[in-house]
Amino acid sequence: MDLTVADVSKFLQVSEEAIRNLTKEGKIPAYQLNNDYRFNREEIEEWMLRFVHQEDLKINPKEHPVGGLQQFNLYRAIHKGLVLNDVVGGSKEEVIQNCMEIISKQLDVDAEVLTNLLLDREKLMSTALNRGVAVPHTRDFLLSRAYDVVAIVYLKKPIEYGALDGKKVHTLFFLFACQDKRHLNLLAKVAFFCHQAENLEILKNQPNKKELLRVVRSWESSVNQLQPA
């Protein structure tokens, strides 16, 4: 699926002008079509896992404001999902399999099928965001319902996950969306959230669902305050 400049600007919460400038500088993978830029969906997804915040891109959101990400969509997706503590597993394969035995029941999907889809995605490229967090997801599965689901998993013991920074993963955000563009939108939102040091410290303390929802809602409120009315 090809994306437009407008699409990418919404995912990253910066202006279309900023996206075009970054593209001209070769910082975002793109190609030209009819005198404008287009973006390959798979390349943008992989790129977002590596460059996760305006600071990484040298963008000042106050200089390049945009209507941006859907308000409180991460909060709603976590509200629909589960928060699991002290999940065990010695490898990403084992952890994903153990998690899907639980999460698949809520999604009403076969656990083995969903496990295989998630592992196939990991074979293409690790979904680790660095800093001890990963976002397992699959490009080949969309929820057959009108809402998205994000399940948070705290591991009993951090595991190797193929992160570029070499750090072990302690928290996983399993992401399941009902639409492709909402999938990318949520992926960007999780990446932004996990970029901030204070949010990472909170995750290390394994907050329960109620506390995590409070933190996420407060954070999303502050993000949206950067957007024009």
C-alpha atoms as a PDB file:
ATOM      1  CA  MET A   1       0.000   0.000   0.000  1.00  0.00           C
ATOM      2  CA  ASP A   2       1.383   3.410  -0.971  1.00  0.00           C
ATOM      3  CA  LEU A   3       1.130   6.318   1.461  1.00  0.00           C
ATOM      4  CA  THR A   4       0.959  10.037   0.745  1.00  0.00           C
ATOM      5  CA  VAL A   5       2.794  12.892   2.437  1.00  0.00           C
ATOM      6  CA  ALA A   6      -0.450  13.659   4.288  1.00  0.00           C
ATOM      7  CA  ASP A   7      -0.642  10.092   5.609  1.00  0.00           C
ATOM      8  CA  VAL A   8       2.908  10.117   6.969  1.00  0.00           C
ATOM      9  CA  SER A   9       2.470  13.577   8.461  1.00  0.00           C
ATOM     10  CA  LYS A  10      -0.502  12.323  10.486  1.00  0.00           C
ATOM     11  CA  PHE A  11       1.367   9.263  11.737  1.00  0.00           C
ATOM     12  CA  LEU A  12       4.371  11.313  12.876  1.00  0.00           C
ATOM     13  CA  GLN A  13       2.423  14.352  14.091  1.00  0.00           C
ATOM     14  CA  VAL A  14       4.445  16.867  12.102  1.00  0.00           C
ATOM     15  CA  SER A  15       3.567  19.067   9.156  1.00  0.00           C
ATOM     16  CA  GLU A  16       3.558  17.985   5.527  1.00  0.00           C
ATOM     17  CA  GLU A  17       6.250  20.595   4.916  1.00  0.00           C
ATOM     18  CA  ALA A  18       8.492  18.884   7.474  1.00  0.00           C
ATOM     19  CA  ILE A  19       7.917  15.480   5.857  1.00  0.00           C
ATOM     20  CA  ARG A  20       8.826  16.847   2.402  1.00  0.00           C
ATOM     21  CA  ASN A  21      11.982  18.464   3.796  1.00  0.00           C
ATOM     22  CA  LEU A  22      13.064  15.232   5.497  1.00  0.00           C
ATOM     23  CA  THR A  23      12.369  13.318   2.304  1.00  0.00           C
ATOM     24  CA  LYS A  24      14.492  15.723   0.270  1.00  0.00           C
ATOM     25  CA  GLU A  25      17.303  15.192   2.776  1.00  0.00           C
ATOM     26  CA  GLY A  26      17.018  11.412   2.329  1.00  0.00           C
ATOM     27  CA  LYS A  27      15.951  10.790   5.927  1.00  0.00           C
ATOM     28  CA  ILE A  28      12.687   9.038   4.990  1.00  0.00           C
ATOM     29  CA  PRO A  29      12.459   6.265   2.335  1.00  0.00           C
ATOM     30  CA  ALA A  30      10.292   7.523  -0.528  1.00  0.00           C
ATOM     31  CA  TYR A  31       9.879   7.760  -4.289  1.00  0.00           C
ATOM     32  CA  GLN A  32       8.433  10.444  -6.544  1.00  0.00           C
ATOM     33  CA  LEU A  33       5.144  10.200  -8.423  1.00  0.00           C
ATOM     34  CA  ASN A  34       3.496  13.066 -10.313  1.00  0.00           C
ATOM     35  CA  ASN A  35       5.812  15.657  -8.777  1.00  0.00           C
ATOM     36  CA  ASP A  36       5.118  14.555  -5.205  1.00  0.00           C
ATOM     37  CA  TYR A  37       6.376  11.902  -2.830  1.00  0.00           C
ATOM     38  CA  ARG A  38       4.915   8.480  -2.147  1.00  0.00           C
ATOM     39  CA  PHE A  39       5.950   6.044   0.570  1.00  0.00           C
ATOM     40  CA  ASN A  40       5.967   2.275   0.620  1.00  0.00           C
ATOM     41  CA  ARG A  41       3.909   1.076   3.578  1.00  0.00           C
ATOM     42  CA  GLU A  42       6.327  -1.690   4.610  1.00  0.00           C
ATOM     43  CA  GLU A  43       9.358   0.592   4.390  1.00  0.00           C
ATOM     44  CA  ILE A  44       7.635   3.278   6.474  1.00  0.00           C
ATOM     45  CA  GLU A  45       6.667   0.745   9.130  1.00  0.00           C
ATOM     46  CA  GLU A  46      10.253  -0.461   9.449  1.00  0.00           C
ATOM     47  CA  TRP A  47      11.538   3.109   9.413  1.00  0.00           C
ATOM     48  CA  MET A  48       9.170   4.103  12.241  1.00  0.00           C
ATOM     49  CA  LEU A  49      10.604   1.350  14.418  1.00  0.00           C
ATOM     50  CA  ARG A  50      14.009   3.029  14.092  1.00  0.00           C
ATOM     51  CA  PHE A  51      13.220   6.772  14.120  1.00  0.00           C
ATOM     52  CA  VAL A  52      10.553   7.119  16.743  1.00  0.00           C
ATOM     53  CA  HIS A  53      10.289  10.764  17.802  1.00  0.00           C
ATOM     54  CA  GLN A  54      10.508  14.339  16.622  1.00  0.00           C
ATOM     55  CA  GLU A  55      13.785  14.698  18.535  1.00  0.00           C
ATOM     56  CA  ASP A  56      15.323  11.851  16.528  1.00  0.00           C
ATOM     57  CA  LEU A  57      14.259  13.580  13.337  1.00  0.00           C
ATOM     58  CA  LYS A  58      15.411  17.021  14.501  1.00  0.00           C
ATOM     59  CA  ILE A  59      11.852  18.336  14.176  1.00  0.00           C
ATOM     60  CA  ASN A  60      10.402  20.967  16.468  1.00  0.00           C
ATOM     61  CA  PRO A  61       6.648  20.230  16.717  1.00  0.00           C
ATOM     62  CA  LYS A  62       5.947  23.853  17.625  1.00  0.00           C
ATOM     63  CA  GLU A  63       7.494  24.952  14.333  1.00  0.00           C
ATOM     64  CA  HIS A  64       5.751  22.220  12.325  1.00  0.00           C
ATOM     65  CA  PRO A  65       2.369  21.646  14.014  1.00  0.00           C
ATOM     66  CA  VAL A  66      -0.278  19.404  12.470  1.00  0.00           C
ATOM     67  CA  GLY A  67      -3.709  18.014  13.391  1.00  0.00           C
ATOM     68  CA  GLY A  68      -1.976  14.692  13.743  1.00  0.00           C
ATOM     69  CA  LEU A  69      -2.696  11.498  15.569  1.00  0.00           C
ATOM     70  CA  GLN A  70      -6.164  10.431  16.576  1.00  0.00           C
ATOM     71  CA  GLN A  71      -6.827  11.646  20.101  1.00  0.00           C
ATOM     72  CA  PHE A  72      -6.707   8.963  22.808  1.00  0.00           C
ATOM     73  CA  ASN A  73      -6.544   6.074  20.318  1.00  0.00           C
ATOM     74  CA  LEU A  74      -3.769   4.374  22.299  1.00  0.00           C
ATOM     75  CA  TYR A  75      -5.743   4.765  25.525  1.00  0.00           C
ATOM     76  CA  ARG A  76      -8.810   3.182  23.933  1.00  0.00           C
ATOM     77  CA  ALA A  77      -6.816   0.312  22.414  1.00  0.00           C
ATOM     78  CA  ILE A  78      -5.178  -0.529  25.758  1.00  0.00           C
ATOM     79  CA  HIS A  79      -8.576  -0.273  27.468  1.00  0.00           C
ATOM     80  CA  LYS A  80      -9.859  -2.951  25.067  1.00  0.00           C
ATOM     81  CA  GLY A  81      -6.795  -5.123  25.667  1.00  0.00           C
ATOM     82  CA  LEU A  82      -5.112  -6.948  28.530  1.00  0.00           C
ATOM     83  CA  VAL A  83      -2.212  -6.156  30.840  1.00  0.00           C
ATOM     84  CA  LEU A  84      -0.258  -9.300  31.748  1.00  0.00           C
ATOM     85  CA  ASN A  85       2.368  -9.458  34.498  1.00  0.00           C
ATOM     86  CA  ASP A  86       5.366 -11.721  35.019  1.00  0.00           C
ATOM     87  CA  VAL A  87       5.024 -13.611  31.743  1.00  0.00           C
ATOM     88  CA  VAL A  88       7.722 -16.254  31.394  1.00  0.00           C
ATOM     89  CA  GLY A  89       9.743 -17.358  28.370  1.00  0.00           C
ATOM     90  CA  GLY A  90      13.379 -17.790  27.474  1.00  0.00           C
ATOM     91  CA  SER A  91      13.080 -16.509  23.897  1.00  0.00           C
ATOM     92  CA  LYS A  92      10.863 -14.253  21.818  1.00  0.00           C
ATOM     93  CA  GLU A  93       9.314 -17.344  20.205  1.00  0.00           C
ATOM     94  CA  GLU A  94       8.377 -18.816  23.566  1.00  0.00           C
ATOM     95  CA  VAL A  95       7.117 -15.519  24.941  1.00  0.00           C
ATOM     96  CA  ILE A  96       4.936 -14.816  21.906  1.00  0.00           C
ATOM     97  CA  GLN A  97       3.506 -18.324  21.996  1.00  0.00           C
ATOM     98  CA  ASN A  98       2.729 -18.085  25.718  1.00  0.00           C
ATOM     99  CA  CYS A  99       1.100 -14.681  25.275  1.00  0.00           C
ATOM    100  CA  MET A 100      -1.053 -15.769  22.357  1.00  0.00           C
ATOM    101  CA  GLU A 101      -2.463 -18.648  24.396  1.00  0.00           C
ATOM    102  CA  ILE A 102      -4.088 -15.925  26.514  1.00  0.00           C
ATOM    103  CA  ILE A 103      -4.584 -12.956  24.164  1.00  0.00           C
ATOM    104  CA  SER A 104      -6.025 -14.990  21.257  1.00  0.00           C
ATOM    105  CA  LYS A 105      -9.005 -15.959  23.427  1.00  0.00           C
ATOM    106  CA  GLN A 106      -9.953 -12.323  23.839  1.00  0.00           C
ATOM    107  CA  LEU A 107      -9.568 -11.723  20.111  1.00  0.00           C
ATOM    108  CA  ASP A 108     -11.433 -14.945  19.248  1.00  0.00           C
ATOM    109  CA  VAL A 109      -8.610 -16.042  16.944  1.00  0.00           C
ATOM    110  CA  ASP A 110      -6.708 -19.327  16.759  1.00  0.00           C
ATOM    111  CA  ALA A 111      -3.614 -19.034  18.989  1.00  0.00           C
ATOM    112  CA  GLU A 112      -1.342 -21.032  16.697  1.00  0.00           C
ATOM    113  CA  VAL A 113      -2.292 -19.046  13.607  1.00  0.00           C
ATOM    114  CA  LEU A 114      -1.708 -15.719  15.349  1.00  0.00           C
ATOM    115  CA  THR A 115       1.583 -16.939  16.828  1.00  0.00           C
ATOM    116  CA  ASN A 116       2.858 -17.949  13.395  1.00  0.00           C
ATOM    117  CA  LEU A 117       1.869 -14.593  11.885  1.00  0.00           C
ATOM    118  CA  LEU A 118       3.682 -12.687  14.629  1.00  0.00           C
ATOM    119  CA  LEU A 119       6.799 -14.848  14.327  1.00  0.00           C
ATOM    120  CA  ASP A 120       6.812 -14.454  10.537  1.00  0.00           C
ATOM    121  CA  ARG A 121       6.881 -10.686  11.100  1.00  0.00           C
ATOM    122  CA  GLU A 122       9.796 -11.026  13.515  1.00  0.00           C
ATOM    123  CA  LYS A 123      11.752 -12.971  10.898  1.00  0.00           C
ATOM    124  CA  LEU A 124      11.534  -9.991   8.537  1.00  0.00           C
ATOM    125  CA  MET A 125      12.851  -7.574  11.174  1.00  0.00           C
ATOM    126  CA  SER A 126      12.785  -7.412  14.944  1.00  0.00           C
ATOM    127  CA  THR A 127       9.926  -5.287  16.274  1.00  0.00           C
ATOM    128  CA  ALA A 128      12.067  -4.059  19.167  1.00  0.00           C
ATOM    129  CA  LEU A 129      11.945  -0.271  19.605  1.00  0.00           C
ATOM    130  CA  ASN A 130      15.178  -0.255  21.655  1.00  0.00           C
ATOM    131  CA  ARG A 131      15.225   0.892  25.289  1.00  0.00           C
ATOM    132  CA  GLY A 132      13.788  -2.449  26.445  1.00  0.00           C
ATOM    133  CA  VAL A 133      10.463  -2.334  24.591  1.00  0.00           C
ATOM    134  CA  ALA A 134       9.088  -4.271  21.611  1.00  0.00           C
ATOM    135  CA  VAL A 135       5.878  -3.938  19.596  1.00  0.00           C
ATOM    136  CA  PRO A 136       4.991  -7.397  18.210  1.00  0.00           C
ATOM    137  CA  HIS A 137       2.508  -7.064  15.344  1.00  0.00           C
ATOM    138  CA  THR A 138       1.729  -8.539  11.967  1.00  0.00           C
ATOM    139  CA  ARG A 139       1.010  -6.974   8.589  1.00  0.00           C
ATOM    140  CA  ASP A 140      -1.225  -9.878   7.591  1.00  0.00           C
ATOM    141  CA  PHE A 141      -3.923  -9.676  10.249  1.00  0.00           C
ATOM    142  CA  LEU A 142      -6.636  -7.097  10.917  1.00  0.00           C
ATOM    143  CA  LEU A 143      -9.315  -7.380  13.589  1.00  0.00           C
ATOM    144  CA  SER A 144     -12.806  -8.053  12.281  1.00  0.00           C
ATOM    145  CA  ARG A 145     -14.340  -5.453  14.566  1.00  0.00           C
ATOM    146  CA  ALA A 146     -14.656  -1.685  14.835  1.00  0.00           C
ATOM    147  CA  TYR A 147     -11.918  -1.082  17.398  1.00  0.00           C
ATOM    148  CA  ASP A 148      -8.201  -1.685  17.926  1.00  0.00           C
ATOM    149  CA  VAL A 149      -6.567  -3.708  20.694  1.00  0.00           C
ATOM    150  CA  VAL A 150      -3.188  -3.244  22.374  1.00  0.00           C
ATOM    151  CA  ALA A 151      -2.145  -5.825  24.971  1.00  0.00           C
ATOM    152  CA  ILE A 152       0.705  -4.953  27.352  1.00  0.00           C
ATOM    153  CA  VAL A 153       2.967  -7.746  28.582  1.00  0.00           C
ATOM    154  CA  TYR A 154       5.549  -7.377  31.346  1.00  0.00           C
ATOM    155  CA  LEU A 155       8.119 -10.156  31.303  1.00  0.00           C
ATOM    156  CA  LYS A 156       9.234 -11.892  34.471  1.00  0.00           C
ATOM    157  CA  LYS A 157      12.776 -11.829  33.080  1.00  0.00           C
ATOM    158  CA  PRO A 158      14.025  -9.623  30.187  1.00  0.00           C
ATOM    159  CA  ILE A 159      14.959 -11.505  27.013  1.00  0.00           C
ATOM    160  CA  GLU A 160      17.115 -10.959  23.938  1.00  0.00           C
ATOM    161  CA  TYR A 161      14.969  -9.552  21.154  1.00  0.00           C
ATOM    162  CA  GLY A 162      17.346  -8.446  18.424  1.00  0.00           C
ATOM    163  CA  ALA A 163      17.187  -4.765  19.357  1.00  0.00           C
ATOM    164  CA  LEU A 164      19.653  -2.455  17.619  1.00  0.00           C
ATOM    165  CA  ASP A 165      20.815  -1.043  20.959  1.00  0.00           C
ATOM    166  CA  GLY A 166      21.524  -4.571  22.213  1.00  0.00           C
ATOM    167  CA  LYS A 167      19.299  -4.175  25.267  1.00  0.00           C
ATOM    168  CA  LYS A 168      17.031  -6.955  26.444  1.00  0.00           C
ATOM    169  CA  VAL A 169      13.271  -6.434  26.230  1.00  0.00           C
ATOM    170  CA  HIS A 170      11.199  -6.206  29.420  1.00  0.00           C
ATOM    171  CA  THR A 171       7.873  -4.914  28.036  1.00  0.00           C
ATOM    172  CA  LEU A 172       5.888  -5.818  24.922  1.00  0.00           C
ATOM    173  CA  PHE A 173       3.027  -3.924  23.281  1.00  0.00           C
ATOM    174  CA  PHE A 174       1.085  -6.463  21.185  1.00  0.00           C
ATOM    175  CA  LEU A 175      -0.694  -4.372  18.554  1.00  0.00           C
ATOM    176  CA  PHE A 176      -3.829  -5.494  16.709  1.00  0.00           C
ATOM    177  CA  ALA A 177      -5.694  -2.960  14.570  1.00  0.00           C
ATOM    178  CA  CYS A 178      -8.925  -3.108  12.600  1.00  0.00           C
ATOM    179  CA  GLN A 179      -7.617  -0.959   9.708  1.00  0.00           C
ATOM    180  CA  ASP A 180      -4.228  -0.729   8.053  1.00  0.00           C
ATOM    181  CA  LYS A 181      -3.754   3.010   8.515  1.00  0.00           C
ATOM    182  CA  ARG A 182      -4.898   2.773  12.117  1.00  0.00           C
ATOM    183  CA  HIS A 183      -2.236   0.096  12.573  1.00  0.00           C
ATOM    184  CA  LEU A 184       0.468   2.529  11.442  1.00  0.00           C
ATOM    185  CA  ASN A 185      -1.043   5.310  13.510  1.00  0.00           C
ATOM    186  CA  LEU A 186      -0.921   3.211  16.670  1.00  0.00           C
ATOM    187  CA  LEU A 187       2.583   1.981  15.904  1.00  0.00           C
ATOM    188  CA  ALA A 188       3.794   5.574  15.734  1.00  0.00           C
ATOM    189  CA  LYS A 189       1.938   6.448  18.943  1.00  0.00           C
ATOM    190  CA  VAL A 190       3.498   3.553  20.867  1.00  0.00           C
ATOM    191  CA  ALA A 191       6.932   4.503  19.543  1.00  0.00           C
ATOM    192  CA  PHE A 192       6.473   8.121  20.660  1.00  0.00           C
ATOM    193  CA  PHE A 193       5.266   7.030  24.100  1.00  0.00           C
ATOM    194  CA  CYS A 194       8.175   4.668  24.655  1.00  0.00           C
ATOM    195  CA  HIS A 195      10.737   7.249  23.563  1.00  0.00           C
ATOM    196  CA  GLN A 196      10.261   9.303  26.729  1.00  0.00           C
ATOM    197  CA  ALA A 197      12.442   8.338  29.682  1.00  0.00           C
ATOM    198  CA  GLU A 198       9.730   8.949  32.281  1.00  0.00           C
ATOM    199  CA  ASN A 199       7.347   6.575  30.494  1.00  0.00           C
ATOM    200  CA  LEU A 200      10.034   3.888  30.287  1.00  0.00           C
ATOM    201  CA  GLU A 201      10.647   4.138  34.025  1.00  0.00           C
ATOM    202  CA  ILE A 202       6.934   3.679  34.648  1.00  0.00           C
ATOM    203  CA  LEU A 203       6.868   0.571  32.446  1.00  0.00           C
ATOM    204  CA  LYS A 204       9.797  -0.935  34.364  1.00  0.00           C
ATOM    205  CA  ASN A 205       7.644  -0.780  37.515  1.00  0.00           C
ATOM    206  CA  GLN A 206       4.943  -2.851  35.775  1.00  0.00           C
ATOM    207  CA  PRO A 207       1.894  -0.663  36.519  1.00  0.00           C
ATOM    208  CA  ASN A 208      -1.500  -2.358  36.539  1.00  0.00           C
ATOM    209  CA  LYS A 209      -4.038  -1.619  33.831  1.00  0.00           C
ATOM    210  CA  LYS A 210      -5.789   1.176  35.727  1.00  0.00           C
ATOM    211  CA  GLU A 211      -2.536   3.003  36.475  1.00  0.00           C
ATOM    212  CA  LEU A 212      -1.157   2.498  32.969  1.00  0.00           C
ATOM    213  CA  LEU A 213      -4.347   3.860  31.428  1.00  0.00           C
ATOM    214  CA  ARG A 214      -4.071   6.934  33.640  1.00  0.00           C
ATOM    215  CA  VAL A 215      -0.483   7.507  32.487  1.00  0.00           C
ATOM    216  CA  VAL A 216      -1.301   6.985  28.815  1.00  0.00           C
ATOM    217  CA  ARG A 217      -4.333   9.267  28.924  1.00  0.00           C
ATOM    218  CA  SER A 218      -2.311  12.024  30.593  1.00  0.00           C
ATOM    219  CA  TRP A 219       0.477  11.610  28.034  1.00  0.00           C
ATOM    220  CA  GLU A 220      -1.913  11.669  25.073  1.00  0.00           C
ATOM    221  CA  SER A 221      -3.486  14.829  26.451  1.00  0.00           C
ATOM    222  CA  SER A 222      -0.072  16.522  26.525  1.00  0.00           C
ATOM    223  CA  VAL A 223       0.695  15.325  22.985  1.00  0.00           C
ATOM    224  CA  ASN A 224      -2.533  16.761  21.642  1.00  0.00           C
ATOM    225  CA  GLN A 225      -1.896  20.089  23.348  1.00  0.00           C
ATOM    226  CA  LEU A 226       0.867  20.595  20.770  1.00  0.00           C
ATOM    227  CA  GLN A 227      -1.732  20.491  18.009  1.00  0.00           C
ATOM    228  CA  PRO A 228      -3.677  23.518  16.761  1.00  0.00           C
ATOM    229  CA  ALA A 229      -7.304  23.806  17.817  1.00  0.00           C
END
